[in-house]
PDB file of N, CA and C in Angstrom:
ATOM      1  N   UNK A   1      95.401 -32.956  84.176  1.00  0.00           N
ATOM      2  CA  UNK A   1      94.613 -33.646  83.176  1.00  0.00           C
ATOM      3  C   UNK A   1      93.749 -32.626  82.439  1.00  0.00           C
ATOM      4  N   UNK A   2      93.947 -32.492  81.153  1.00  0.00           N
ATOM      5  CA  UNK A   2      93.141 -31.581  80.336  1.00  0.00           C
ATOM      6  C   UNK A   2      91.767 -32.184  80.091  1.00  0.00           C
ATOM      7  N   UNK A   3      90.782 -31.343  80.045  1.00  0.00           N
ATOM      8  CA  UNK A   3      89.428 -31.788  79.735  1.00  0.00           C
ATOM      9  C   UNK A   3      89.253 -31.654  78.232  1.00  0.00           C
ATOM     10  N   UNK A   4      88.893 -32.739  77.557  1.00  0.00           N
ATOM     11  CA  UNK A   4      88.820 -32.765  76.100  1.00  0.00           C
ATOM     12  C   UNK A   4      87.419 -32.437  75.593  1.00  0.00           C
ATOM     13  N   UNK A   5      87.055 -31.153  75.674  1.00  0.00           N
ATOM     14  CA  UNK A   5      85.756 -30.748  75.133  1.00  0.00           C
ATOM     15  C   UNK A   5      85.917 -29.732  74.021  1.00  0.00           C
ATOM     16  N   UNK A   6      87.158 -29.331  73.735  1.00  0.00           N
ATOM     17  CA  UNK A   6      87.388 -28.283  72.744  1.00  0.00           C
ATOM     18  C   UNK A   6      88.548 -28.678  71.847  1.00  0.00           C
ATOM     19  N   UNK A   7      88.641 -28.014  70.724  1.00  0.00           N
ATOM     20  CA  UNK A   7      89.778 -28.173  69.824  1.00  0.00           C
ATOM     21  C   UNK A   7      91.051 -27.860  70.604  1.00  0.00           C
ATOM     22  N   UNK A   8      92.102 -28.647  70.455  1.00  0.00           N
ATOM     23  CA  UNK A   8      93.334 -28.396  71.214  1.00  0.00           C
ATOM     24  C   UNK A   8      93.926 -27.007  70.997  1.00  0.00           C
ATOM     25  N   UNK A   9      93.668 -26.382  69.849  1.00  0.00           N
ATOM     26  CA  UNK A   9      94.202 -25.051  69.580  1.00  0.00           C
ATOM     27  C   UNK A   9      93.315 -23.922  70.115  1.00  0.00           C
ATOM     28  N   UNK A  10      92.118 -24.275  70.591  1.00  0.00           N
ATOM     29  CA  UNK A  10      91.205 -23.256  71.107  1.00  0.00           C
ATOM     30  C   UNK A  10      91.665 -22.796  72.488  1.00  0.00           C
ATOM     31  N   UNK A  11      91.692 -21.484  72.666  1.00  0.00           N
ATOM     32  CA  UNK A  11      92.028 -20.939  73.981  1.00  0.00           C
ATOM     33  C   UNK A  11      90.796 -21.056  74.864  1.00  0.00           C
ATOM     34  N   UNK A  12      90.884 -21.888  75.872  1.00  0.00           N
ATOM     35  CA  UNK A  12      89.750 -22.182  76.741  1.00  0.00           C
ATOM     36  C   UNK A  12      90.233 -22.139  78.178  1.00  0.00           C
ATOM     37  N   UNK A  13      89.449 -21.509  79.035  1.00  0.00           N
ATOM     38  CA  UNK A  13      89.780 -21.467  80.455  1.00  0.00           C
ATOM     39  C   UNK A  13      88.576 -21.916  81.263  1.00  0.00           C
ATOM     40  N   UNK A  14      88.854 -22.469  82.424  1.00  0.00           N
ATOM     41  CA  UNK A  14      87.831 -22.923  83.354  1.00  0.00           C
ATOM     42  C   UNK A  14      87.812 -21.967  84.543  1.00  0.00           C
ATOM     43  N   UNK A  15      86.621 -21.562  84.951  1.00  0.00           N
ATOM     44  CA  UNK A  15      86.508 -20.632  86.066  1.00  0.00           C
ATOM     45  C   UNK A  15      85.381 -21.085  86.989  1.00  0.00           C
ATOM     46  N   UNK A  16      85.749 -21.742  88.094  1.00  0.00           N
ATOM     47  CA  UNK A  16      84.721 -22.157  89.056  1.00  0.00           C
ATOM     48  C   UNK A  16      83.998 -20.941  89.628  1.00  0.00           C
ATOM     49  N   UNK A  17      82.715 -21.080  89.861  1.00  0.00           N
ATOM     50  CA  UNK A  17      81.893 -19.973  90.337  1.00  0.00           C
ATOM     51  C   UNK A  17      82.406 -19.375  91.643  1.00  0.00           C
ATOM     52  N   UNK A  18      82.983 -20.184  92.505  1.00  0.00           N
ATOM     53  CA  UNK A  18      83.439 -19.643  93.789  1.00  0.00           C
ATOM     54  C   UNK A  18      84.579 -18.632  93.628  1.00  0.00           C
ATOM     55  N   UNK A  19      85.213 -18.600  92.463  1.00  0.00           N
ATOM     56  CA  UNK A  19      86.303 -17.652  92.234  1.00  0.00           C
ATOM     57  C   UNK A  19      85.807 -16.307  91.684  1.00  0.00           C
ATOM     58  N   UNK A  20      84.529 -16.203  91.326  1.00  0.00           N
ATOM     59  CA  UNK A  20      84.021 -14.950  90.751  1.00  0.00           C
ATOM     60  C   UNK A  20      82.951 -14.276  91.614  1.00  0.00           C
ATOM     61  N   UNK A  21      82.869 -14.647  92.862  1.00  0.00           N
ATOM     62  CA  UNK A  21      81.835 -14.075  93.733  1.00  0.00           C
ATOM     63  C   UNK A  21      81.891 -12.560  93.798  1.00  0.00           C
ATOM     64  N   UNK A  22      83.070 -11.973  93.763  1.00  0.00           N
ATOM     65  CA  UNK A  22      83.205 -10.521  93.892  1.00  0.00           C
ATOM     66  C   UNK A  22      83.513  -9.837  92.560  1.00  0.00           C
ATOM     67  N   UNK A  23      83.334 -10.547  91.452  1.00  0.00           N
ATOM     68  CA  UNK A  23      83.588  -9.967  90.130  1.00  0.00           C
ATOM     69  C   UNK A  23      82.263  -9.532  89.516  1.00  0.00           C
ATOM     70  N   UNK A  24      82.112  -8.242  89.179  1.00  0.00           N
ATOM     71  CA  UNK A  24      80.880  -7.813  88.517  1.00  0.00           C
ATOM     72  C   UNK A  24      80.840  -8.375  87.094  1.00  0.00           C
ATOM     73  N   UNK A  25      79.764  -9.064  86.796  1.00  0.00           N
ATOM     74  CA  UNK A  25      79.597  -9.702  85.486  1.00  0.00           C
ATOM     75  C   UNK A  25      78.277  -9.273  84.859  1.00  0.00           C
ATOM     76  N   UNK A  26      78.189  -9.277  83.506  1.00  0.00           N
ATOM     77  CA  UNK A  26      76.911  -8.989  82.850  1.00  0.00           C
ATOM     78  C   UNK A  26      75.839  -9.979  83.312  1.00  0.00           C
ATOM     79  N   UNK A  27      74.620  -9.512  83.383  1.00  0.00           N
ATOM     80  CA  UNK A  27      73.522 -10.349  83.845  1.00  0.00           C
ATOM     81  C   UNK A  27      73.016 -11.351  82.828  1.00  0.00           C
ATOM     82  N   UNK A  28      73.472 -11.259  81.583  1.00  0.00           N
ATOM     83  CA  UNK A  28      73.048 -12.171  80.530  1.00  0.00           C
ATOM     84  C   UNK A  28      74.263 -12.606  79.718  1.00  0.00           C
ATOM     85  N   UNK A  29      74.127 -13.760  79.071  1.00  0.00           N
ATOM     86  CA  UNK A  29      75.174 -14.192  78.152  1.00  0.00           C
ATOM     87  C   UNK A  29      75.360 -13.117  77.094  1.00  0.00           C
ATOM     88  N   UNK A  30      76.599 -12.932  76.658  1.00  0.00           N
ATOM     89  CA  UNK A  30      76.817 -11.887  75.667  1.00  0.00           C
ATOM     90  C   UNK A  30      78.004 -12.209  74.769  1.00  0.00           C
ATOM     91  N   UNK A  31      77.990 -11.572  73.624  1.00  0.00           N
ATOM     92  CA  UNK A  31      79.088 -11.604  72.662  1.00  0.00           C
ATOM     93  C   UNK A  31      79.609 -10.176  72.600  1.00  0.00           C
ATOM     94  N   UNK A  32      80.907 -10.018  72.816  1.00  0.00           N
ATOM     95  CA  UNK A  32      81.496  -8.688  72.893  1.00  0.00           C
ATOM     96  C   UNK A  32      82.358  -8.443  71.661  1.00  0.00           C
ATOM     97  N   UNK A  33      82.111  -7.343  71.000  1.00  0.00           N
ATOM     98  CA  UNK A  33      82.936  -6.873  69.882  1.00  0.00           C
ATOM     99  C   UNK A  33      83.570  -5.551  70.297  1.00  0.00           C
ATOM    100  N   UNK A  34      84.369  -4.955  69.436  1.00  0.00           N
ATOM    101  CA  UNK A  34      85.080  -3.723  69.784  1.00  0.00           C
ATOM    102  C   UNK A  34      84.158  -2.614  70.277  1.00  0.00           C
ATOM    103  N   UNK A  35      83.023  -2.426  69.613  1.00  0.00           N
ATOM    104  CA  UNK A  35      82.136  -1.326  69.983  1.00  0.00           C
ATOM    105  C   UNK A  35      80.679  -1.765  70.087  1.00  0.00           C
ATOM    106  N   UNK A  36      80.475  -3.059  70.337  1.00  0.00           N
ATOM    107  CA  UNK A  36      79.125  -3.620  70.371  1.00  0.00           C
ATOM    108  C   UNK A  36      79.072  -4.800  71.323  1.00  0.00           C
ATOM    109  N   UNK A  37      77.974  -4.887  72.069  1.00  0.00           N
ATOM    110  CA  UNK A  37      77.696  -6.068  72.880  1.00  0.00           C
ATOM    111  C   UNK A  37      76.340  -6.609  72.443  1.00  0.00           C
ATOM    112  N   UNK A  38      76.277  -7.912  72.192  1.00  0.00           N
ATOM    113  CA  UNK A  38      75.032  -8.586  71.842  1.00  0.00           C
ATOM    114  C   UNK A  38      74.655  -9.458  73.033  1.00  0.00           C
ATOM    115  N   UNK A  39      73.532  -9.134  73.659  1.00  0.00           N
ATOM    116  CA  UNK A  39      73.056  -9.902  74.800  1.00  0.00           C
ATOM    117  C   UNK A  39      72.026 -10.927  74.335  1.00  0.00           C
ATOM    118  N   UNK A  40      72.162 -12.155  74.824  1.00  0.00           N
ATOM    119  CA  UNK A  40      71.239 -13.236  74.518  1.00  0.00           C
ATOM    120  C   UNK A  40      70.402 -13.471  75.770  1.00  0.00           C
ATOM    121  N   UNK A  41      69.134 -13.111  75.711  1.00  0.00           N
ATOM    122  CA  UNK A  41      68.256 -13.242  76.870  1.00  0.00           C
ATOM    123  C   UNK A  41      67.518 -14.575  76.824  1.00  0.00           C
ATOM    124  N   UNK A  42      67.549 -15.285  77.937  1.00  0.00           N
ATOM    125  CA  UNK A  42      66.916 -16.589  78.057  1.00  0.00           C
ATOM    126  C   UNK A  42      65.748 -16.472  79.026  1.00  0.00           C
ATOM    127  N   UNK A  43      64.608 -17.011  78.647  1.00  0.00           N
ATOM    128  CA  UNK A  43      63.414 -16.961  79.489  1.00  0.00           C
ATOM    129  C   UNK A  43      63.389 -18.080  80.513  1.00  0.00           C
ATOM    130  N   UNK A  44      62.352 -18.087  81.320  1.00  0.00           N
ATOM    131  CA  UNK A  44      62.186 -19.095  82.361  1.00  0.00           C
ATOM    132  C   UNK A  44      62.046 -20.505  81.830  1.00  0.00           C
ATOM    133  N   UNK A  45      61.749 -20.632  80.545  1.00  0.00           N
ATOM    134  CA  UNK A  45      61.621 -21.963  79.932  1.00  0.00           C
ATOM    135  C   UNK A  45      62.929 -22.397  79.255  1.00  0.00           C
ATOM    136  N   UNK A  46      64.029 -21.681  79.551  1.00  0.00           N
ATOM    137  CA  UNK A  46      65.358 -21.966  78.975  1.00  0.00           C
ATOM    138  C   UNK A  46      65.420 -21.764  77.467  1.00  0.00           C
ATOM    139  N   UNK A  47      64.490 -21.015  76.919  1.00  0.00           N
ATOM    140  CA  UNK A  47      64.487 -20.703  75.495  1.00  0.00           C
ATOM    141  C   UNK A  47      64.864 -19.233  75.312  1.00  0.00           C
ATOM    142  N   UNK A  48      65.484 -18.935  74.181  1.00  0.00           N
ATOM    143  CA  UNK A  48      65.837 -17.549  73.892  1.00  0.00           C
ATOM    144  C   UNK A  48      64.570 -16.711  73.833  1.00  0.00           C
ATOM    145  N   UNK A  49      64.563 -15.607  74.595  1.00  0.00           N
ATOM    146  CA  UNK A  49      63.380 -14.751  74.594  1.00  0.00           C
ATOM    147  C   UNK A  49      63.628 -13.430  73.876  1.00  0.00           C
ATOM    148  N   UNK A  50      64.903 -13.057  73.731  1.00  0.00           N
ATOM    149  CA  UNK A  50      65.189 -11.788  73.080  1.00  0.00           C
ATOM    150  C   UNK A  50      66.688 -11.692  72.811  1.00  0.00           C
ATOM    151  N   UNK A  51      67.042 -10.795  71.921  1.00  0.00           N
ATOM    152  CA  UNK A  51      68.431 -10.419  71.681  1.00  0.00           C
ATOM    153  C   UNK A  51      68.481  -8.907  71.823  1.00  0.00           C
ATOM    154  N   UNK A  52      69.428  -8.414  72.597  1.00  0.00           N
ATOM    155  CA  UNK A  52      69.579  -6.968  72.765  1.00  0.00           C
ATOM    156  C   UNK A  52      70.975  -6.570  72.299  1.00  0.00           C
ATOM    157  N   UNK A  53      71.038  -5.471  71.589  1.00  0.00           N
ATOM    158  CA  UNK A  53      72.310  -4.921  71.139  1.00  0.00           C
ATOM    159  C   UNK A  53      72.586  -3.641  71.894  1.00  0.00           C
ATOM    160  N   UNK A  54      73.859  -3.421  72.242  1.00  0.00           N
ATOM    161  CA  UNK A  54      74.226  -2.160  72.875  1.00  0.00           C
ATOM    162  C   UNK A  54      75.534  -1.657  72.287  1.00  0.00           C
ATOM    163  N   UNK A  55      75.521  -0.398  71.889  1.00  0.00           N
ATOM    164  CA  UNK A  55      76.740   0.273  71.450  1.00  0.00           C
ATOM    165  C   UNK A  55      77.140   1.345  72.458  1.00  0.00           C
ATOM    166  N   UNK A  56      76.453   1.384  73.592  1.00  0.00           N
ATOM    167  CA  UNK A  56      76.775   2.336  74.648  1.00  0.00           C
ATOM    168  C   UNK A  56      78.204   2.063  75.118  1.00  0.00           C
ATOM    169  N   UNK A  57      79.100   3.035  75.003  1.00  0.00           N
ATOM    170  CA  UNK A  57      80.497   2.810  75.381  1.00  0.00           C
ATOM    171  C   UNK A  57      80.668   2.337  76.822  1.00  0.00           C
ATOM    172  N   UNK A  58      79.817   2.786  77.744  1.00  0.00           N
ATOM    173  CA  UNK A  58      79.919   2.334  79.132  1.00  0.00           C
ATOM    174  C   UNK A  58      79.574   0.852  79.267  1.00  0.00           C
ATOM    175  N   UNK A  59      78.572   0.402  78.530  1.00  0.00           N
ATOM    176  CA  UNK A  59      78.174  -1.009  78.562  1.00  0.00           C
ATOM    177  C   UNK A  59      79.264  -1.871  77.924  1.00  0.00           C
ATOM    178  N   UNK A  60      79.775  -1.437  76.776  1.00  0.00           N
ATOM    179  CA  UNK A  60      80.829  -2.188  76.095  1.00  0.00           C
ATOM    180  C   UNK A  60      82.061  -2.281  76.989  1.00  0.00           C
ATOM    181  N   UNK A  61      82.435  -1.163  77.616  1.00  0.00           N
ATOM    182  CA  UNK A  61      83.595  -1.147  78.498  1.00  0.00           C
ATOM    183  C   UNK A  61      83.382  -2.056  79.707  1.00  0.00           C
ATOM    184  N   UNK A  62      82.202  -1.987  80.324  1.00  0.00           N
ATOM    185  CA  UNK A  62      81.889  -2.850  81.464  1.00  0.00           C
ATOM    186  C   UNK A  62      82.038  -4.326  81.096  1.00  0.00           C
ATOM    187  N   UNK A  63      81.467  -4.706  79.963  1.00  0.00           N
ATOM    188  CA  UNK A  63      81.517  -6.116  79.542  1.00  0.00           C
ATOM    189  C   UNK A  63      82.949  -6.548  79.230  1.00  0.00           C
ATOM    190  N   UNK A  64      83.707  -5.684  78.555  1.00  0.00           N
ATOM    191  CA  UNK A  64      85.109  -6.012  78.264  1.00  0.00           C
ATOM    192  C   UNK A  64      85.920  -6.176  79.541  1.00  0.00           C
ATOM    193  N   UNK A  65      85.751  -5.258  80.485  1.00  0.00           N
ATOM    194  CA  UNK A  65      86.491  -5.350  81.742  1.00  0.00           C
ATOM    195  C   UNK A  65      86.096  -6.594  82.537  1.00  0.00           C
ATOM    196  N   UNK A  66      84.808  -6.917  82.544  1.00  0.00           N
ATOM    197  CA  UNK A  66      84.345  -8.110  83.255  1.00  0.00           C
ATOM    198  C   UNK A  66      84.952  -9.373  82.642  1.00  0.00           C
ATOM    199  N   UNK A  67      84.940  -9.447  81.308  1.00  0.00           N
ATOM    200  CA  UNK A  67      85.503 -10.612  80.643  1.00  0.00           C
ATOM    201  C   UNK A  67      86.995 -10.731  80.933  1.00  0.00           C
ATOM    202  N   UNK A  68      87.719  -9.617  80.846  1.00  0.00           N
ATOM    203  CA  UNK A  68      89.158  -9.657  81.097  1.00  0.00           C
ATOM    204  C   UNK A  68      89.459 -10.090  82.529  1.00  0.00           C
ATOM    205  N   UNK A  69      88.679  -9.612  83.490  1.00  0.00           N
ATOM    206  CA  UNK A  69      88.885 -10.019  84.887  1.00  0.00           C
ATOM    207  C   UNK A  69      88.594 -11.502  85.062  1.00  0.00           C
ATOM    208  N   UNK A  70      87.491 -11.969  84.521  1.00  0.00           N
ATOM    209  CA  UNK A  70      87.153 -13.394  84.630  1.00  0.00           C
ATOM    210  C   UNK A  70      88.209 -14.251  83.934  1.00  0.00           C
ATOM    211  N   UNK A  71      88.665 -13.815  82.759  1.00  0.00           N
ATOM    212  CA  UNK A  71      89.684 -14.564  82.023  1.00  0.00           C
ATOM    213  C   UNK A  71      90.965 -14.697  82.851  1.00  0.00           C
ATOM    214  N   UNK A  72      91.347 -13.608  83.526  1.00  0.00           N
ATOM    215  CA  UNK A  72      92.581 -13.626  84.311  1.00  0.00           C
ATOM    216  C   UNK A  72      92.486 -14.574  85.506  1.00  0.00           C
ATOM    217  N   UNK A  73      91.280 -14.838  85.988  1.00  0.00           N
ATOM    218  CA  UNK A  73      91.081 -15.738  87.123  1.00  0.00           C
ATOM    219  C   UNK A  73      90.943 -17.193  86.699  1.00  0.00           C
ATOM    220  N   UNK A  74      90.711 -17.424  85.413  1.00  0.00           N
ATOM    221  CA  UNK A  74      90.483 -18.783  84.923  1.00  0.00           C
ATOM    222  C   UNK A  74      91.765 -19.597  84.837  1.00  0.00           C
ATOM    223  N   UNK A  75      91.588 -20.903  84.759  1.00  0.00           N
ATOM    224  CA  UNK A  75      92.687 -21.839  84.623  1.00  0.00           C
ATOM    225  C   UNK A  75      92.699 -22.365  83.196  1.00  0.00           C
ATOM    226  N   UNK A  76      93.853 -22.297  82.485  1.00  0.00           N
ATOM    227  CA  UNK A  76      93.915 -22.809  81.112  1.00  0.00           C
ATOM    228  C   UNK A  76      93.474 -24.284  81.059  1.00  0.00           C
ATOM    229  N   UNK A  77      92.816 -24.648  79.981  1.00  0.00           N
ATOM    230  CA  UNK A  77      92.261 -25.981  79.828  1.00  0.00           C
ATOM    231  C   UNK A  77      93.300 -27.083  80.102  1.00  0.00           C
ATOM    232  N   UNK A  78      94.511 -26.935  79.597  1.00  0.00           N
ATOM    233  CA  UNK A  78      95.532 -27.966  79.777  1.00  0.00           C
ATOM    234  C   UNK A  78      96.010 -28.119  81.202  1.00  0.00           C
ATOM    235  N   UNK A  79      95.718 -27.126  82.065  1.00  0.00           N
ATOM    236  CA  UNK A  79      96.154 -27.179  83.451  1.00  0.00           C
ATOM    237  C   UNK A  79      95.013 -27.466  84.431  1.00  0.00           C
ATOM    238  N   UNK A  80      93.786 -27.462  83.921  1.00  0.00           N
ATOM    239  CA  UNK A  80      92.620 -27.609  84.796  1.00  0.00           C
ATOM    240  C   UNK A  80      92.427 -29.050  85.235  1.00  0.00           C
ATOM    241  N   UNK A  81      92.169 -29.206  86.534  1.00  0.00           N
ATOM    242  CA  UNK A  81      91.824 -30.518  87.082  1.00  0.00           C
ATOM    243  C   UNK A  81      90.529 -30.380  87.851  1.00  0.00           C
ATOM    244  N   UNK A  82      89.469 -31.033  87.374  1.00  0.00           N
ATOM    245  CA  UNK A  82      88.179 -30.932  88.072  1.00  0.00           C
ATOM    246  C   UNK A  82      88.231 -31.527  89.463  1.00  0.00           C
TER     247      UNK A  82
END
């Protein structure tokens, strides 16, 4: 049973937290581009407290590798059953 929260053409995967216990992930939400990572920092009040940009190749590489690993562990939306 697919979960209908996204456009049917959108590539979406579900990844339960128990499957990523040993996967190193960025500590903040982020948007990854080819040579840039934009981190969205959220404060204790659940409001955005800062935005950080990084062009450090090690940081960009870490975030890309983390995303690719998490993506590979996820289940495609059309196959996911909660």
